[in-house]
């Protein structure tokens, strides 16, 4: 099975990953994603959303934001709640994983 992935300008190719026991396409794609992400620095992202009850630092969350491409996961590192214009808001700081 061969999976070709390109991120950014693709000017820094990595060595091929050969894993003969990996036969499921989803598992192979996840392995490739994990390998590529391991070489990149952690990305800290701040998000303001409508009030999210029960969220705590350390929780893993999935973010679906049309401006940042497909869904991605992150670990919550900071939570702050506030109120503005009659709305309850939650500020999250995430480390993208």
PDB file of N, CA and C in Angstrom:
ATOM      1  N   UNK A   1       0.842  -1.161   0.000  1.00  0.00           N
ATOM      2  CA  UNK A   1       0.000   0.000   0.000  1.00  0.00           C
ATOM      3  C   UNK A   1       0.894   1.233   0.000  1.00  0.00           C
ATOM      4  N   UNK A   2       0.611   2.192  -0.875  1.00  0.00           N
ATOM      5  CA  UNK A   2       1.382   3.425  -0.964  1.00  0.00           C
ATOM      6  C   UNK A   2       0.441   4.587  -0.733  1.00  0.00           C
ATOM      7  N   UNK A   3       0.788   5.445   0.206  1.00  0.00           N
ATOM      8  CA  UNK A   3       0.010   6.640   0.483  1.00  0.00           C
ATOM      9  C   UNK A   3       0.931   7.835   0.332  1.00  0.00           C
ATOM     10  N   UNK A   4       0.553   8.752  -0.535  1.00  0.00           N
ATOM     11  CA  UNK A   4       1.346   9.951  -0.753  1.00  0.00           C
ATOM     12  C   UNK A   4       0.636  11.120  -0.094  1.00  0.00           C
ATOM     13  N   UNK A   5       1.334  11.814   0.784  1.00  0.00           N
ATOM     14  CA  UNK A   5       0.774  12.953   1.493  1.00  0.00           C
ATOM     15  C   UNK A   5       1.689  14.137   1.282  1.00  0.00           C
ATOM     16  N   UNK A   6       1.089  15.303   1.073  1.00  0.00           N
ATOM     17  CA  UNK A   6       1.879  16.523   0.893  1.00  0.00           C
ATOM     18  C   UNK A   6       1.338  17.592   1.817  1.00  0.00           C
ATOM     19  N   UNK A   7       2.209  18.174   2.620  1.00  0.00           N
ATOM     20  CA  UNK A   7       1.837  19.288   3.478  1.00  0.00           C
ATOM     21  C   UNK A   7       2.677  20.485   3.095  1.00  0.00           C
ATOM     22  N   UNK A   8       2.075  21.623   3.142  1.00  0.00           N
ATOM     23  CA  UNK A   8       2.743  22.880   2.839  1.00  0.00           C
ATOM     24  C   UNK A   8       3.386  22.797   1.452  1.00  0.00           C
ATOM     25  N   UNK A   9       4.623  23.224   1.326  1.00  0.00           N
ATOM     26  CA  UNK A   9       5.254  23.273   0.004  1.00  0.00           C
ATOM     27  C   UNK A   9       5.961  21.969  -0.367  1.00  0.00           C
ATOM     28  N   UNK A  10       5.986  20.996   0.519  1.00  0.00           N
ATOM     29  CA  UNK A  10       6.605  19.686   0.272  1.00  0.00           C
ATOM     30  C   UNK A  10       8.079  19.800  -0.098  1.00  0.00           C
ATOM     31  N   UNK A  11       8.779  20.758   0.493  1.00  0.00           N
ATOM     32  CA  UNK A  11      10.195  20.944   0.186  1.00  0.00           C
ATOM     33  C   UNK A  11      11.122  20.207   1.151  1.00  0.00           C
ATOM     34  N   UNK A  12      10.562  19.458   2.110  1.00  0.00           N
ATOM     35  CA  UNK A  12      11.368  18.684   3.057  1.00  0.00           C
ATOM     36  C   UNK A  12      10.852  17.251   3.117  1.00  0.00           C
ATOM     37  N   UNK A  13      11.148  16.448   2.125  1.00  0.00           N
ATOM     38  CA  UNK A  13      10.631  15.072   2.129  1.00  0.00           C
ATOM     39  C   UNK A  13      11.244  14.245   3.266  1.00  0.00           C
ATOM     40  N   UNK A  14      10.441  13.365   3.800  1.00  0.00           N
ATOM     41  CA  UNK A  14      10.890  12.460   4.865  1.00  0.00           C
ATOM     42  C   UNK A  14      11.127  11.086   4.254  1.00  0.00           C
ATOM     43  N   UNK A  15      11.849  10.225   4.953  1.00  0.00           N
ATOM     44  CA  UNK A  15      12.053   8.873   4.433  1.00  0.00           C
ATOM     45  C   UNK A  15      10.730   8.105   4.377  1.00  0.00           C
ATOM     46  N   UNK A  16      10.655   7.143   3.482  1.00  0.00           N
ATOM     47  CA  UNK A  16       9.465   6.317   3.349  1.00  0.00           C
ATOM     48  C   UNK A  16       9.236   5.500   4.617  1.00  0.00           C
ATOM     49  N   UNK A  17       7.974   5.252   4.912  1.00  0.00           N
ATOM     50  CA  UNK A  17       7.601   4.408   6.045  1.00  0.00           C
ATOM     51  C   UNK A  17       7.193   3.062   5.471  1.00  0.00           C
ATOM     52  N   UNK A  18       7.867   2.015   5.888  1.00  0.00           N
ATOM     53  CA  UNK A  18       7.531   0.667   5.427  1.00  0.00           C
ATOM     54  C   UNK A  18       7.032  -0.107   6.631  1.00  0.00           C
ATOM     55  N   UNK A  19       5.780  -0.515   6.570  1.00  0.00           N
ATOM     56  CA  UNK A  19       5.155  -1.239   7.674  1.00  0.00           C
ATOM     57  C   UNK A  19       4.324  -2.371   7.078  1.00  0.00           C
ATOM     58  N   UNK A  20       4.939  -3.552   6.847  1.00  0.00           N
ATOM     59  CA  UNK A  20       4.234  -4.634   6.169  1.00  0.00           C
ATOM     60  C   UNK A  20       3.022  -5.182   6.925  1.00  0.00           C
ATOM     61  N   UNK A  21       2.960  -4.998   8.235  1.00  0.00           N
ATOM     62  CA  UNK A  21       1.831  -5.520   8.999  1.00  0.00           C
ATOM     63  C   UNK A  21       0.634  -4.570   9.016  1.00  0.00           C
ATOM     64  N   UNK A  22       0.823  -3.374   8.502  1.00  0.00           N
ATOM     65  CA  UNK A  22      -0.252  -2.389   8.474  1.00  0.00           C
ATOM     66  C   UNK A  22      -1.037  -2.557   7.176  1.00  0.00           C
ATOM     67  N   UNK A  23      -2.212  -3.176   7.254  1.00  0.00           N
ATOM     68  CA  UNK A  23      -2.972  -3.471   6.037  1.00  0.00           C
ATOM     69  C   UNK A  23      -4.253  -2.655   5.915  1.00  0.00           C
ATOM     70  N   UNK A  24      -4.703  -2.016   6.967  1.00  0.00           N
ATOM     71  CA  UNK A  24      -5.928  -1.212   6.922  1.00  0.00           C
ATOM     72  C   UNK A  24      -5.581   0.214   6.511  1.00  0.00           C
ATOM     73  N   UNK A  25      -6.317   0.778   5.556  1.00  0.00           N
ATOM     74  CA  UNK A  25      -6.010   2.110   5.031  1.00  0.00           C
ATOM     75  C   UNK A  25      -6.120   3.185   6.110  1.00  0.00           C
ATOM     76  N   UNK A  26      -7.122   3.082   6.995  1.00  0.00           N
ATOM     77  CA  UNK A  26      -7.269   4.101   8.049  1.00  0.00           C
ATOM     78  C   UNK A  26      -6.100   4.059   9.016  1.00  0.00           C
ATOM     79  N   UNK A  27      -5.660   2.873   9.366  1.00  0.00           N
ATOM     80  CA  UNK A  27      -4.516   2.747  10.272  1.00  0.00           C
ATOM     81  C   UNK A  27      -3.248   3.278   9.613  1.00  0.00           C
ATOM     82  N   UNK A  28      -3.083   3.007   8.325  1.00  0.00           N
ATOM     83  CA  UNK A  28      -1.901   3.497   7.604  1.00  0.00           C
ATOM     84  C   UNK A  28      -1.900   5.018   7.521  1.00  0.00           C
ATOM     85  N   UNK A  29      -3.063   5.608   7.279  1.00  0.00           N
ATOM     86  CA  UNK A  29      -3.151   7.063   7.208  1.00  0.00           C
ATOM     87  C   UNK A  29      -2.857   7.693   8.566  1.00  0.00           C
ATOM     88  N   UNK A  30      -3.365   7.091   9.626  1.00  0.00           N
ATOM     89  CA  UNK A  30      -3.101   7.607  10.967  1.00  0.00           C
ATOM     90  C   UNK A  30      -1.620   7.497  11.310  1.00  0.00           C
ATOM     91  N   UNK A  31      -1.000   6.408  10.919  1.00  0.00           N
ATOM     92  CA  UNK A  31       0.443   6.238  11.157  1.00  0.00           C
ATOM     93  C   UNK A  31       1.232   7.315  10.428  1.00  0.00           C
ATOM     94  N   UNK A  32       0.860   7.575   9.173  1.00  0.00           N
ATOM     95  CA  UNK A  32       1.536   8.627   8.408  1.00  0.00           C
ATOM     96  C   UNK A  32       1.338   9.995   9.020  1.00  0.00           C
ATOM     97  N   UNK A  33       0.119  10.285   9.468  1.00  0.00           N
ATOM     98  CA  UNK A  33      -0.153  11.574  10.102  1.00  0.00           C
ATOM     99  C   UNK A  33       0.667  11.734  11.379  1.00  0.00           C
ATOM    100  N   UNK A  34       0.726  10.684  12.165  1.00  0.00           N
ATOM    101  CA  UNK A  34       1.489  10.732  13.412  1.00  0.00           C
ATOM    102  C   UNK A  34       2.974  10.950  13.139  1.00  0.00           C
ATOM    103  N   UNK A  35       3.505  10.306  12.108  1.00  0.00           N
ATOM    104  CA  UNK A  35       4.919  10.478  11.761  1.00  0.00           C
ATOM    105  C   UNK A  35       5.209  11.916  11.335  1.00  0.00           C
ATOM    106  N   UNK A  36       4.332  12.475  10.523  1.00  0.00           N
ATOM    107  CA  UNK A  36       4.551  13.858  10.069  1.00  0.00           C
ATOM    108  C   UNK A  36       4.411  14.842  11.225  1.00  0.00           C
ATOM    109  N   UNK A  37       3.415  14.635  12.085  1.00  0.00           N
ATOM    110  CA  UNK A  37       3.209  15.544  13.204  1.00  0.00           C
ATOM    111  C   UNK A  37       4.318  15.464  14.235  1.00  0.00           C
ATOM    112  N   UNK A  38       4.978  14.327  14.340  1.00  0.00           N
ATOM    113  CA  UNK A  38       6.032  14.187  15.343  1.00  0.00           C
ATOM    114  C   UNK A  38       7.228  15.082  15.039  1.00  0.00           C
ATOM    115  N   UNK A  39       7.391  15.471  13.802  1.00  0.00           N
ATOM    116  CA  UNK A  39       8.510  16.325  13.432  1.00  0.00           C
ATOM    117  C   UNK A  39       8.194  17.803  13.484  1.00  0.00           C
ATOM    118  N   UNK A  40       6.949  18.161  13.767  1.00  0.00           N
ATOM    119  CA  UNK A  40       6.558  19.560  13.803  1.00  0.00           C
ATOM    120  C   UNK A  40       6.426  20.018  15.248  1.00  0.00           C
ATOM    121  N   UNK A  41       6.703  21.304  15.501  1.00  0.00           N
ATOM    122  CA  UNK A  41       6.513  21.801  16.861  1.00  0.00           C
ATOM    123  C   UNK A  41       5.022  21.826  17.217  1.00  0.00           C
ATOM    124  N   UNK A  42       4.738  21.760  18.520  1.00  0.00           N
ATOM    125  CA  UNK A  42       3.349  21.815  18.964  1.00  0.00           C
ATOM    126  C   UNK A  42       2.760  23.177  18.617  1.00  0.00           C
ATOM    127  N   UNK A  43       1.510  23.174  18.240  1.00  0.00           N
ATOM    128  CA  UNK A  43       0.835  24.401  17.842  1.00  0.00           C
ATOM    129  C   UNK A  43      -0.197  24.751  18.916  1.00  0.00           C
ATOM    130  N   UNK A  44      -0.051  25.920  19.524  1.00  0.00           N
ATOM    131  CA  UNK A  44      -0.980  26.383  20.545  1.00  0.00           C
ATOM    132  C   UNK A  44      -2.035  27.247  19.864  1.00  0.00           C
ATOM    133  N   UNK A  45      -3.309  26.937  20.115  1.00  0.00           N
ATOM    134  CA  UNK A  45      -4.408  27.642  19.461  1.00  0.00           C
ATOM    135  C   UNK A  45      -5.381  28.117  20.529  1.00  0.00           C
ATOM    136  N   UNK A  46      -5.845  29.348  20.388  1.00  0.00           N
ATOM    137  CA  UNK A  46      -6.856  29.908  21.292  1.00  0.00           C
ATOM    138  C   UNK A  46      -8.182  29.963  20.551  1.00  0.00           C
ATOM    139  N   UNK A  47      -9.240  29.520  21.212  1.00  0.00           N
ATOM    140  CA  UNK A  47     -10.574  29.489  20.610  1.00  0.00           C
ATOM    141  C   UNK A  47     -11.564  30.107  21.585  1.00  0.00           C
ATOM    142  N   UNK A  48     -12.446  30.964  21.059  1.00  0.00           N
ATOM    143  CA  UNK A  48     -13.559  31.472  21.850  1.00  0.00           C
ATOM    144  C   UNK A  48     -14.827  30.833  21.295  1.00  0.00           C
ATOM    145  N   UNK A  49     -15.619  30.252  22.176  1.00  0.00           N
ATOM    146  CA  UNK A  49     -16.842  29.566  21.757  1.00  0.00           C
ATOM    147  C   UNK A  49     -17.967  29.918  22.719  1.00  0.00           C
ATOM    148  N   UNK A  50     -19.198  29.606  22.326  1.00  0.00           N
ATOM    149  CA  UNK A  50     -20.292  29.722  23.270  1.00  0.00           C
ATOM    150  C   UNK A  50     -20.005  28.788  24.444  1.00  0.00           C
ATOM    151  N   UNK A  51     -20.575  29.067  25.578  1.00  0.00           N
ATOM    152  CA  UNK A  51     -20.284  28.359  26.822  1.00  0.00           C
ATOM    153  C   UNK A  51     -20.251  26.836  26.634  1.00  0.00           C
ATOM    154  N   UNK A  52     -19.169  26.229  27.117  1.00  0.00           N
ATOM    155  CA  UNK A  52     -18.999  24.774  27.077  1.00  0.00           C
ATOM    156  C   UNK A  52     -18.931  24.300  28.529  1.00  0.00           C
ATOM    157  N   UNK A  53     -19.953  23.589  28.963  1.00  0.00           N
ATOM    158  CA  UNK A  53     -20.008  23.136  30.354  1.00  0.00           C
ATOM    159  C   UNK A  53     -19.126  21.910  30.566  1.00  0.00           C
ATOM    160  N   UNK A  54     -18.481  21.859  31.715  1.00  0.00           N
ATOM    161  CA  UNK A  54     -17.763  20.661  32.128  1.00  0.00           C
ATOM    162  C   UNK A  54     -16.405  20.440  31.475  1.00  0.00           C
ATOM    163  N   UNK A  55     -15.918  21.375  30.693  1.00  0.00           N
ATOM    164  CA  UNK A  55     -14.618  21.167  30.053  1.00  0.00           C
ATOM    165  C   UNK A  55     -13.515  21.587  31.023  1.00  0.00           C
ATOM    166  N   UNK A  56     -12.435  20.796  31.083  1.00  0.00           N
ATOM    167  CA  UNK A  56     -11.352  21.032  32.025  1.00  0.00           C
ATOM    168  C   UNK A  56     -10.014  20.886  31.317  1.00  0.00           C
ATOM    169  N   UNK A  57      -8.967  21.512  31.836  1.00  0.00           N
ATOM    170  CA  UNK A  57      -7.632  21.271  31.289  1.00  0.00           C
ATOM    171  C   UNK A  57      -7.306  19.778  31.342  1.00  0.00           C
ATOM    172  N   UNK A  58      -6.713  19.295  30.279  1.00  0.00           N
ATOM    173  CA  UNK A  58      -6.391  17.880  30.168  1.00  0.00           C
ATOM    174  C   UNK A  58      -7.361  17.119  29.287  1.00  0.00           C
ATOM    175  N   UNK A  59      -8.569  17.676  29.067  1.00  0.00           N
ATOM    176  CA  UNK A  59      -9.537  17.027  28.178  1.00  0.00           C
ATOM    177  C   UNK A  59      -9.040  17.048  26.741  1.00  0.00           C
ATOM    178  N   UNK A  60      -9.361  16.011  25.995  1.00  0.00           N
ATOM    179  CA  UNK A  60      -9.101  15.987  24.560  1.00  0.00           C
ATOM    180  C   UNK A  60     -10.382  16.393  23.846  1.00  0.00           C
ATOM    181  N   UNK A  61     -10.263  17.281  22.870  1.00  0.00           N
ATOM    182  CA  UNK A  61     -11.432  17.761  22.142  1.00  0.00           C
ATOM    183  C   UNK A  61     -11.181  17.659  20.640  1.00  0.00           C
ATOM    184  N   UNK A  62     -12.273  17.572  19.885  1.00  0.00           N
ATOM    185  CA  UNK A  62     -12.186  17.606  18.436  1.00  0.00           C
ATOM    186  C   UNK A  62     -12.761  18.938  17.981  1.00  0.00           C
ATOM    187  N   UNK A  63     -12.026  19.643  17.140  1.00  0.00           N
ATOM    188  CA  UNK A  63     -12.439  20.952  16.644  1.00  0.00           C
ATOM    189  C   UNK A  63     -12.792  20.823  15.173  1.00  0.00           C
ATOM    190  N   UNK A  64     -13.961  21.328  14.826  1.00  0.00           N
ATOM    191  CA  UNK A  64     -14.400  21.349  13.427  1.00  0.00           C
ATOM    192  C   UNK A  64     -14.567  22.805  13.033  1.00  0.00           C
ATOM    193  N   UNK A  65     -13.569  23.325  12.372  1.00  0.00           N
ATOM    194  CA  UNK A  65     -13.536  24.737  11.991  1.00  0.00           C
ATOM    195  C   UNK A  65     -13.286  24.822  10.496  1.00  0.00           C
ATOM    196  N   UNK A  66     -14.243  25.375   9.752  1.00  0.00           N
ATOM    197  CA  UNK A  66     -14.120  25.398   8.297  1.00  0.00           C
ATOM    198  C   UNK A  66     -12.944  26.244   7.828  1.00  0.00           C
ATOM    199  N   UNK A  67     -12.435  27.149   8.677  1.00  0.00           N
ATOM    200  CA  UNK A  67     -11.312  27.978   8.277  1.00  0.00           C
ATOM    201  C   UNK A  67      -9.967  27.290   8.480  1.00  0.00           C
ATOM    202  N   UNK A  68      -9.942  26.184   9.230  1.00  0.00           N
ATOM    203  CA  UNK A  68      -8.687  25.477   9.493  1.00  0.00           C
ATOM    204  C   UNK A  68      -8.660  24.110   8.838  1.00  0.00           C
ATOM    205  N   UNK A  69      -9.445  23.907   7.812  1.00  0.00           N
ATOM    206  CA  UNK A  69      -9.459  22.615   7.121  1.00  0.00           C
ATOM    207  C   UNK A  69     -10.348  21.624   7.838  1.00  0.00           C
ATOM    208  N   UNK A  70     -10.017  20.353   7.712  1.00  0.00           N
ATOM    209  CA  UNK A  70     -10.820  19.292   8.305  1.00  0.00           C
ATOM    210  C   UNK A  70     -10.730  19.280   9.810  1.00  0.00           C
ATOM    211  N   UNK A  71     -11.485  18.400  10.448  1.00  0.00           N
ATOM    212  CA  UNK A  71     -11.459  18.323  11.906  1.00  0.00           C
ATOM    213  C   UNK A  71     -10.077  17.936  12.429  1.00  0.00           C
ATOM    214  N   UNK A  72      -9.743  18.458  13.586  1.00  0.00           N
ATOM    215  CA  UNK A  72      -8.475  18.132  14.226  1.00  0.00           C
ATOM    216  C   UNK A  72      -8.714  17.998  15.728  1.00  0.00           C
ATOM    217  N   UNK A  73      -7.753  17.388  16.414  1.00  0.00           N
ATOM    218  CA  UNK A  73      -7.872  17.160  17.854  1.00  0.00           C
ATOM    219  C   UNK A  73      -6.828  17.969  18.607  1.00  0.00           C
ATOM    220  N   UNK A  74      -7.199  18.328  19.811  1.00  0.00           N
ATOM    221  CA  UNK A  74      -6.273  19.074  20.643  1.00  0.00           C
ATOM    222  C   UNK A  74      -6.503  18.771  22.108  1.00  0.00           C
ATOM    223  N   UNK A  75      -5.500  19.077  22.911  1.00  0.00           N
ATOM    224  CA  UNK A  75      -5.581  18.887  24.353  1.00  0.00           C
ATOM    225  C   UNK A  75      -5.789  20.251  24.998  1.00  0.00           C
ATOM    226  N   UNK A  76      -6.787  20.351  25.868  1.00  0.00           N
ATOM    227  CA  UNK A  76      -7.110  21.611  26.529  1.00  0.00           C
ATOM    228  C   UNK A  76      -6.039  21.908  27.575  1.00  0.00           C
ATOM    229  N   UNK A  77      -5.442  23.110  27.489  1.00  0.00           N
ATOM    230  CA  UNK A  77      -4.432  23.502  28.472  1.00  0.00           C
ATOM    231  C   UNK A  77      -4.918  24.636  29.365  1.00  0.00           C
ATOM    232  N   UNK A  78      -5.962  25.357  28.923  1.00  0.00           N
ATOM    233  CA  UNK A  78      -6.473  26.466  29.717  1.00  0.00           C
ATOM    234  C   UNK A  78      -7.945  26.696  29.387  1.00  0.00           C
ATOM    235  N   UNK A  79      -8.744  27.005  30.414  1.00  0.00           N
ATOM    236  CA  UNK A  79     -10.172  27.285  30.237  1.00  0.00           C
ATOM    237  C   UNK A  79     -10.507  28.552  31.018  1.00  0.00           C
ATOM    238  N   UNK A  80     -11.246  29.466  30.385  1.00  0.00           N
ATOM    239  CA  UNK A  80     -11.738  30.670  31.062  1.00  0.00           C
ATOM    240  C   UNK A  80     -13.148  30.937  30.571  1.00  0.00           C
ATOM    241  N   UNK A  81     -14.042  31.248  31.508  1.00  0.00           N
ATOM    242  CA  UNK A  81     -15.429  31.547  31.161  1.00  0.00           C
ATOM    243  C   UNK A  81     -15.677  33.034  31.381  1.00  0.00           C
ATOM    244  N   UNK A  82     -16.519  33.618  30.540  1.00  0.00           N
ATOM    245  CA  UNK A  82     -16.860  35.026  30.675  1.00  0.00           C
ATOM    246  C   UNK A  82     -18.267  35.252  30.143  1.00  0.00           C
ATOM    247  N   UNK A  83     -18.756  36.479  30.351  1.00  0.00           N
ATOM    248  CA  UNK A  83     -20.063  36.867  29.825  1.00  0.00           C
ATOM    249  C   UNK A  83     -19.906  38.195  29.102  1.00  0.00           C
ATOM    250  N   UNK A  84     -20.543  38.295  27.933  1.00  0.00           N
ATOM    251  CA  UNK A  84     -20.507  39.534  27.163  1.00  0.00           C
ATOM    252  C   UNK A  84     -21.778  39.627  26.337  1.00  0.00           C
ATOM    253  N   UNK A  85     -22.395  40.810  26.379  1.00  0.00           N
ATOM    254  CA  UNK A  85     -23.613  41.052  25.598  1.00  0.00           C
ATOM    255  C   UNK A  85     -24.687  40.000  25.867  1.00  0.00           C
ATOM    256  N   UNK A  86     -24.814  39.569  27.106  1.00  0.00           N
ATOM    257  CA  UNK A  86     -25.839  38.602  27.467  1.00  0.00           C
ATOM    258  C   UNK A  86     -25.541  37.173  27.047  1.00  0.00           C
ATOM    259  N   UNK A  87     -24.314  36.886  26.616  1.00  0.00           N
ATOM    260  CA  UNK A  87     -23.937  35.532  26.203  1.00  0.00           C
ATOM    261  C   UNK A  87     -22.842  35.011  27.123  1.00  0.00           C
ATOM    262  N   UNK A  88     -22.914  33.734  27.449  1.00  0.00           N
ATOM    263  CA  UNK A  88     -21.837  33.077  28.191  1.00  0.00           C
ATOM    264  C   UNK A  88     -20.836  32.537  27.186  1.00  0.00           C
ATOM    265  N   UNK A  89     -19.555  32.817  27.423  1.00  0.00           N
ATOM    266  CA  UNK A  89     -18.497  32.426  26.489  1.00  0.00           C
ATOM    267  C   UNK A  89     -17.447  31.588  27.201  1.00  0.00           C
ATOM    268  N   UNK A  90     -16.777  30.752  26.442  1.00  0.00           N
ATOM    269  CA  UNK A  90     -15.667  29.948  26.942  1.00  0.00           C
ATOM    270  C   UNK A  90     -14.453  30.213  26.081  1.00  0.00           C
ATOM    271  N   UNK A  91     -13.348  30.602  26.716  1.00  0.00           N
ATOM    272  CA  UNK A  91     -12.064  30.760  26.024  1.00  0.00           C
ATOM    273  C   UNK A  91     -11.240  29.522  26.296  1.00  0.00           C
ATOM    274  N   UNK A  92     -10.798  28.858  25.241  1.00  0.00           N
ATOM    275  CA  UNK A  92      -9.989  27.652  25.374  1.00  0.00           C
ATOM    276  C   UNK A  92      -8.619  27.877  24.776  1.00  0.00           C
ATOM    277  N   UNK A  93      -7.618  27.348  25.435  1.00  0.00           N
ATOM    278  CA  UNK A  93      -6.282  27.265  24.844  1.00  0.00           C
ATOM    279  C   UNK A  93      -6.009  25.782  24.630  1.00  0.00           C
ATOM    280  N   UNK A  94      -5.671  25.429  23.406  1.00  0.00           N
ATOM    281  CA  UNK A  94      -5.456  24.034  23.036  1.00  0.00           C
ATOM    282  C   UNK A  94      -4.060  23.845  22.478  1.00  0.00           C
ATOM    283  N   UNK A  95      -3.516  22.675  22.692  1.00  0.00           N
ATOM    284  CA  UNK A  95      -2.304  22.246  22.013  1.00  0.00           C
ATOM    285  C   UNK A  95      -2.758  21.253  20.961  1.00  0.00           C
ATOM    286  N   UNK A  96      -2.542  21.609  19.710  1.00  0.00           N
ATOM    287  CA  UNK A  96      -3.004  20.750  18.612  1.00  0.00           C
ATOM    288  C   UNK A  96      -2.168  19.491  18.564  1.00  0.00           C
ATOM    289  N   UNK A  97      -2.854  18.351  18.542  1.00  0.00           N
ATOM    290  CA  UNK A  97      -2.147  17.067  18.509  1.00  0.00           C
ATOM    291  C   UNK A  97      -2.294  16.409  17.171  1.00  0.00           C
TER     292      UNK A  97
END
